[in-house]
N, C-alpha and C. Protein backbone atom coordinates (compact mmCIF):
# COMPACT_ATOMS: atom_id res chain seq x y z
N MET A 1 0.84 -1.18 0.00
CA MET A 1 0.00 0.00 0.00
C MET A 1 0.89 1.24 0.00
N GLU A 2 0.63 2.14 -0.94
CA GLU A 2 1.43 3.35 -1.08
C GLU A 2 0.95 4.44 -0.13
N ILE A 3 1.90 5.10 0.49
CA ILE A 3 1.59 6.20 1.40
C ILE A 3 1.11 7.40 0.60
N LYS A 4 0.09 8.07 1.10
CA LYS A 4 -0.40 9.29 0.47
C LYS A 4 0.22 10.47 1.21
N VAL A 5 1.03 11.23 0.50
CA VAL A 5 1.67 12.41 1.09
C VAL A 5 0.63 13.51 1.19
N LYS A 6 0.56 14.15 2.35
CA LYS A 6 -0.40 15.23 2.59
C LYS A 6 0.33 16.57 2.59
N GLU A 7 -0.31 17.57 1.97
CA GLU A 7 0.30 18.89 1.89
C GLU A 7 0.59 19.46 3.28
N GLU A 8 -0.32 19.24 4.23
CA GLU A 8 -0.08 19.80 5.57
C GLU A 8 1.16 19.20 6.22
N ASP A 9 1.49 17.94 5.90
CA ASP A 9 2.71 17.34 6.43
C ASP A 9 3.95 17.90 5.74
N VAL A 10 3.84 18.18 4.45
CA VAL A 10 4.94 18.83 3.73
C VAL A 10 5.20 20.20 4.37
N ILE A 11 4.14 20.94 4.64
CA ILE A 11 4.27 22.26 5.26
C ILE A 11 4.88 22.16 6.64
N LYS A 12 4.52 21.14 7.42
CA LYS A 12 5.13 20.94 8.74
C LYS A 12 6.64 20.78 8.60
N GLY A 13 7.07 20.02 7.60
CA GLY A 13 8.51 19.85 7.36
C GLY A 13 9.16 21.16 6.95
N LEU A 14 8.51 21.91 6.06
CA LEU A 14 9.06 23.19 5.60
C LEU A 14 9.19 24.17 6.76
N LYS A 15 8.28 24.09 7.71
CA LYS A 15 8.31 25.01 8.85
C LYS A 15 9.44 24.68 9.84
N GLN A 16 10.12 23.56 9.61
CA GLN A 16 11.28 23.19 10.43
C GLN A 16 12.59 23.69 9.82
N CYS A 17 12.50 24.31 8.65
CA CYS A 17 13.69 24.77 7.92
C CYS A 17 13.80 26.29 8.04
N TYR A 18 14.97 26.75 8.45
CA TYR A 18 15.18 28.17 8.71
C TYR A 18 16.26 28.74 7.81
N ASP A 19 16.00 29.94 7.33
CA ASP A 19 17.03 30.70 6.64
C ASP A 19 18.06 31.03 7.72
N PRO A 20 19.33 30.72 7.51
CA PRO A 20 20.33 30.93 8.57
C PRO A 20 20.56 32.40 8.93
N GLU A 21 20.16 33.31 8.06
CA GLU A 21 20.37 34.73 8.34
C GLU A 21 19.15 35.41 8.94
N ILE A 22 17.99 34.76 8.87
CA ILE A 22 16.74 35.34 9.36
C ILE A 22 16.08 34.33 10.29
N PRO A 23 15.79 34.69 11.52
CA PRO A 23 15.24 33.71 12.47
C PRO A 23 13.75 33.44 12.27
N ALA A 24 13.39 32.99 11.07
CA ALA A 24 12.01 32.60 10.76
C ALA A 24 12.08 31.45 9.77
N ASN A 25 11.08 30.59 9.80
CA ASN A 25 11.12 29.44 8.90
C ASN A 25 10.83 29.86 7.46
N ILE A 26 11.28 29.05 6.52
CA ILE A 26 11.20 29.42 5.10
C ILE A 26 9.76 29.51 4.60
N TYR A 27 8.86 28.74 5.20
CA TYR A 27 7.46 28.78 4.77
C TYR A 27 6.83 30.12 5.16
N ASP A 28 7.01 30.51 6.42
CA ASP A 28 6.44 31.78 6.87
C ASP A 28 7.15 32.99 6.27
N LEU A 29 8.39 32.81 5.86
CA LEU A 29 9.08 33.90 5.16
C LEU A 29 8.50 34.12 3.76
N GLY A 30 7.75 33.14 3.27
CA GLY A 30 7.16 33.26 1.94
C GLY A 30 8.11 32.85 0.84
N LEU A 31 9.09 32.02 1.18
CA LEU A 31 10.04 31.56 0.17
C LEU A 31 9.49 30.44 -0.70
N VAL A 32 8.45 29.76 -0.22
CA VAL A 32 7.86 28.64 -0.97
C VAL A 32 6.73 29.17 -1.83
N TYR A 33 6.88 29.03 -3.14
CA TYR A 33 5.87 29.52 -4.09
C TYR A 33 4.85 28.45 -4.47
N LYS A 34 5.27 27.18 -4.51
CA LYS A 34 4.37 26.14 -5.00
C LYS A 34 4.76 24.79 -4.43
N ILE A 35 3.76 24.00 -4.09
CA ILE A 35 3.96 22.62 -3.64
C ILE A 35 3.05 21.75 -4.50
N GLU A 36 3.63 20.76 -5.15
CA GLU A 36 2.86 19.79 -5.92
C GLU A 36 3.18 18.40 -5.39
N ILE A 37 2.16 17.59 -5.24
CA ILE A 37 2.33 16.23 -4.74
C ILE A 37 1.82 15.26 -5.79
N ASN A 38 2.66 14.29 -6.12
CA ASN A 38 2.29 13.26 -7.08
C ASN A 38 2.63 11.92 -6.43
N GLY A 39 1.66 11.33 -5.77
CA GLY A 39 1.90 10.08 -5.04
C GLY A 39 2.79 10.34 -3.85
N THR A 40 4.01 9.79 -3.89
CA THR A 40 4.96 10.01 -2.79
C THR A 40 6.09 10.95 -3.21
N GLU A 41 5.92 11.59 -4.36
CA GLU A 41 6.91 12.55 -4.84
C GLU A 41 6.39 13.96 -4.63
N VAL A 42 7.24 14.82 -4.08
CA VAL A 42 6.88 16.21 -3.81
C VAL A 42 7.76 17.12 -4.64
N ASN A 43 7.12 18.06 -5.31
CA ASN A 43 7.84 19.08 -6.09
C ASN A 43 7.59 20.43 -5.45
N ILE A 44 8.67 21.13 -5.16
CA ILE A 44 8.59 22.42 -4.50
C ILE A 44 9.27 23.46 -5.39
N VAL A 45 8.56 24.56 -5.62
CA VAL A 45 9.14 25.71 -6.32
C VAL A 45 9.29 26.78 -5.25
N MET A 46 10.50 27.29 -5.13
CA MET A 46 10.77 28.27 -4.07
C MET A 46 11.83 29.25 -4.52
N THR A 47 12.03 30.25 -3.71
CA THR A 47 13.06 31.23 -3.96
C THR A 47 13.92 31.36 -2.72
N LEU A 48 14.87 32.24 -2.78
CA LEU A 48 15.73 32.55 -1.64
C LEU A 48 15.67 34.06 -1.43
N THR A 49 16.08 34.51 -0.26
CA THR A 49 16.04 35.95 -0.01
C THR A 49 17.03 36.69 -0.88
N SER A 50 18.06 35.98 -1.38
CA SER A 50 19.07 36.59 -2.24
C SER A 50 19.59 35.55 -3.23
N PRO A 51 19.81 35.95 -4.48
CA PRO A 51 20.39 35.00 -5.43
C PRO A 51 21.82 34.61 -5.08
N PHE A 52 22.44 35.34 -4.17
CA PHE A 52 23.83 35.06 -3.77
C PHE A 52 23.92 34.34 -2.44
N CYS A 53 22.84 33.66 -2.05
CA CYS A 53 22.79 32.95 -0.77
C CYS A 53 23.93 31.94 -0.70
N PRO A 54 24.81 32.07 0.31
CA PRO A 54 25.96 31.16 0.40
C PRO A 54 25.63 29.76 0.92
N VAL A 55 24.42 29.56 1.42
CA VAL A 55 24.07 28.26 1.99
C VAL A 55 22.98 27.54 1.19
N THR A 56 22.88 27.85 -0.08
CA THR A 56 21.82 27.26 -0.91
C THR A 56 21.84 25.74 -0.86
N ASP A 57 23.00 25.13 -1.06
CA ASP A 57 23.09 23.66 -1.08
C ASP A 57 22.68 23.07 0.27
N TYR A 58 23.15 23.67 1.35
CA TYR A 58 22.78 23.20 2.70
C TYR A 58 21.27 23.30 2.89
N LEU A 59 20.70 24.44 2.52
CA LEU A 59 19.27 24.68 2.72
C LEU A 59 18.43 23.69 1.92
N VAL A 60 18.81 23.44 0.67
CA VAL A 60 18.08 22.48 -0.17
C VAL A 60 18.10 21.09 0.45
N GLU A 61 19.23 20.66 0.93
CA GLU A 61 19.32 19.33 1.57
C GLU A 61 18.53 19.27 2.86
N ASP A 62 18.56 20.36 3.64
CA ASP A 62 17.78 20.43 4.87
C ASP A 62 16.29 20.32 4.56
N ILE A 63 15.84 21.06 3.56
CA ILE A 63 14.43 21.02 3.15
C ILE A 63 14.05 19.61 2.71
N ARG A 64 14.86 19.04 1.84
CA ARG A 64 14.58 17.70 1.33
C ARG A 64 14.43 16.70 2.48
N GLY A 65 15.37 16.71 3.41
CA GLY A 65 15.33 15.76 4.52
C GLY A 65 14.14 15.97 5.44
N LYS A 66 13.86 17.20 5.77
CA LYS A 66 12.75 17.46 6.71
C LYS A 66 11.39 17.19 6.07
N VAL A 67 11.24 17.51 4.80
CA VAL A 67 9.97 17.21 4.12
C VAL A 67 9.77 15.70 4.06
N MET A 68 10.83 14.95 3.76
CA MET A 68 10.71 13.50 3.72
C MET A 68 10.38 12.94 5.10
N ASP A 69 11.03 13.46 6.14
CA ASP A 69 10.78 12.99 7.50
C ASP A 69 9.35 13.24 7.95
N PHE A 70 8.82 14.42 7.68
CA PHE A 70 7.50 14.80 8.17
C PHE A 70 6.37 14.26 7.31
N SER A 71 6.61 14.05 6.01
CA SER A 71 5.51 13.70 5.12
C SER A 71 5.51 12.25 4.65
N GLY A 72 6.65 11.58 4.75
CA GLY A 72 6.74 10.23 4.22
C GLY A 72 7.03 10.20 2.73
N ALA A 73 7.33 11.36 2.13
CA ALA A 73 7.66 11.40 0.71
C ALA A 73 8.91 10.57 0.45
N THR A 74 8.96 9.96 -0.71
CA THR A 74 10.14 9.17 -1.08
C THR A 74 11.09 9.97 -1.97
N LYS A 75 10.59 11.06 -2.55
CA LYS A 75 11.43 11.91 -3.39
C LYS A 75 10.94 13.34 -3.27
N VAL A 76 11.88 14.27 -3.10
CA VAL A 76 11.55 15.69 -3.01
C VAL A 76 12.42 16.44 -4.01
N ASN A 77 11.77 17.06 -4.97
CA ASN A 77 12.46 17.86 -5.98
C ASN A 77 12.27 19.33 -5.62
N ILE A 78 13.35 20.08 -5.66
CA ILE A 78 13.30 21.50 -5.30
C ILE A 78 13.82 22.32 -6.47
N ASP A 79 12.97 23.20 -6.94
CA ASP A 79 13.32 24.08 -8.05
C ASP A 79 13.45 25.50 -7.48
N ILE A 80 14.64 26.07 -7.58
CA ILE A 80 14.89 27.43 -7.09
C ILE A 80 14.66 28.40 -8.24
N THR A 81 13.85 29.43 -7.98
CA THR A 81 13.58 30.45 -8.98
C THR A 81 13.74 31.84 -8.34
N PHE A 82 14.00 32.81 -9.15
CA PHE A 82 14.06 34.20 -8.67
C PHE A 82 13.05 35.06 -9.42
N ASP A 83 12.05 34.40 -9.99
CA ASP A 83 11.00 35.10 -10.72
C ASP A 83 9.65 34.62 -10.21
N PRO A 84 8.98 35.39 -9.39
CA PRO A 84 9.32 36.76 -8.99
C PRO A 84 10.33 36.75 -7.86
N PRO A 85 11.07 37.84 -7.72
CA PRO A 85 12.01 37.93 -6.61
C PRO A 85 11.27 38.04 -5.27
N TRP A 86 11.91 37.53 -4.23
CA TRP A 86 11.33 37.59 -2.89
C TRP A 86 11.37 39.02 -2.37
N THR A 87 10.30 39.39 -1.65
CA THR A 87 10.26 40.65 -0.92
C THR A 87 9.65 40.39 0.45
N LYS A 88 9.76 41.33 1.33
CA LYS A 88 9.17 41.19 2.67
C LYS A 88 7.66 41.05 2.61
N ASP A 89 7.05 41.48 1.51
CA ASP A 89 5.60 41.35 1.34
C ASP A 89 5.15 39.90 1.28
N ASN A 90 6.06 38.98 0.99
CA ASN A 90 5.73 37.55 0.92
C ASN A 90 5.53 36.92 2.30
N MET A 91 6.00 37.57 3.34
CA MET A 91 6.00 36.99 4.68
C MET A 91 4.59 36.91 5.26
N THR A 92 4.36 35.88 6.08
CA THR A 92 3.10 35.77 6.80
C THR A 92 3.09 36.79 7.95
N ASP A 93 1.91 37.03 8.48
CA ASP A 93 1.79 37.94 9.62
C ASP A 93 2.58 37.41 10.81
N GLU A 94 2.62 36.09 10.97
CA GLU A 94 3.36 35.48 12.07
C GLU A 94 4.86 35.79 11.96
N ALA A 95 5.40 35.67 10.74
CA ALA A 95 6.82 35.96 10.54
C ALA A 95 7.11 37.44 10.77
N ARG A 96 6.21 38.29 10.30
CA ARG A 96 6.40 39.74 10.52
C ARG A 96 6.43 40.05 12.01
N ALA A 97 5.51 39.45 12.77
CA ALA A 97 5.46 39.68 14.22
C ALA A 97 6.71 39.15 14.90
N GLU A 98 7.15 37.96 14.47
CA GLU A 98 8.34 37.34 15.05
C GLU A 98 9.58 38.20 14.82
N LEU A 99 9.63 38.85 13.67
CA LEU A 99 10.80 39.66 13.32
C LEU A 99 10.62 41.14 13.67
N GLY A 100 9.45 41.49 14.20
CA GLY A 100 9.21 42.87 14.60
C GLY A 100 9.03 43.81 13.42
N ILE A 101 8.46 43.30 12.34
CA ILE A 101 8.25 44.13 11.12
C ILE A 101 6.81 44.60 11.08
């Protein structure tokens, strides 16, 4: 029997991943643009706060591992895009409050 990956579990995993320069999780920062689930495979389209992020590889692996741990996904594909570019307007109210914005 194949496990059905749930979007809320993917989001729980994403909320465990933090931008190392900003003390808020990547989901509430608004870095995640799209989540698609196909069986046990998860496709994520996201951005970074800067195209020159020095920890991109670390962050991608952290996201992949935590999404798999929380959701039961067997494969997580992450597509980084800068169109549209990230702005503070992407942040949730919770992230704004946490950062005092």
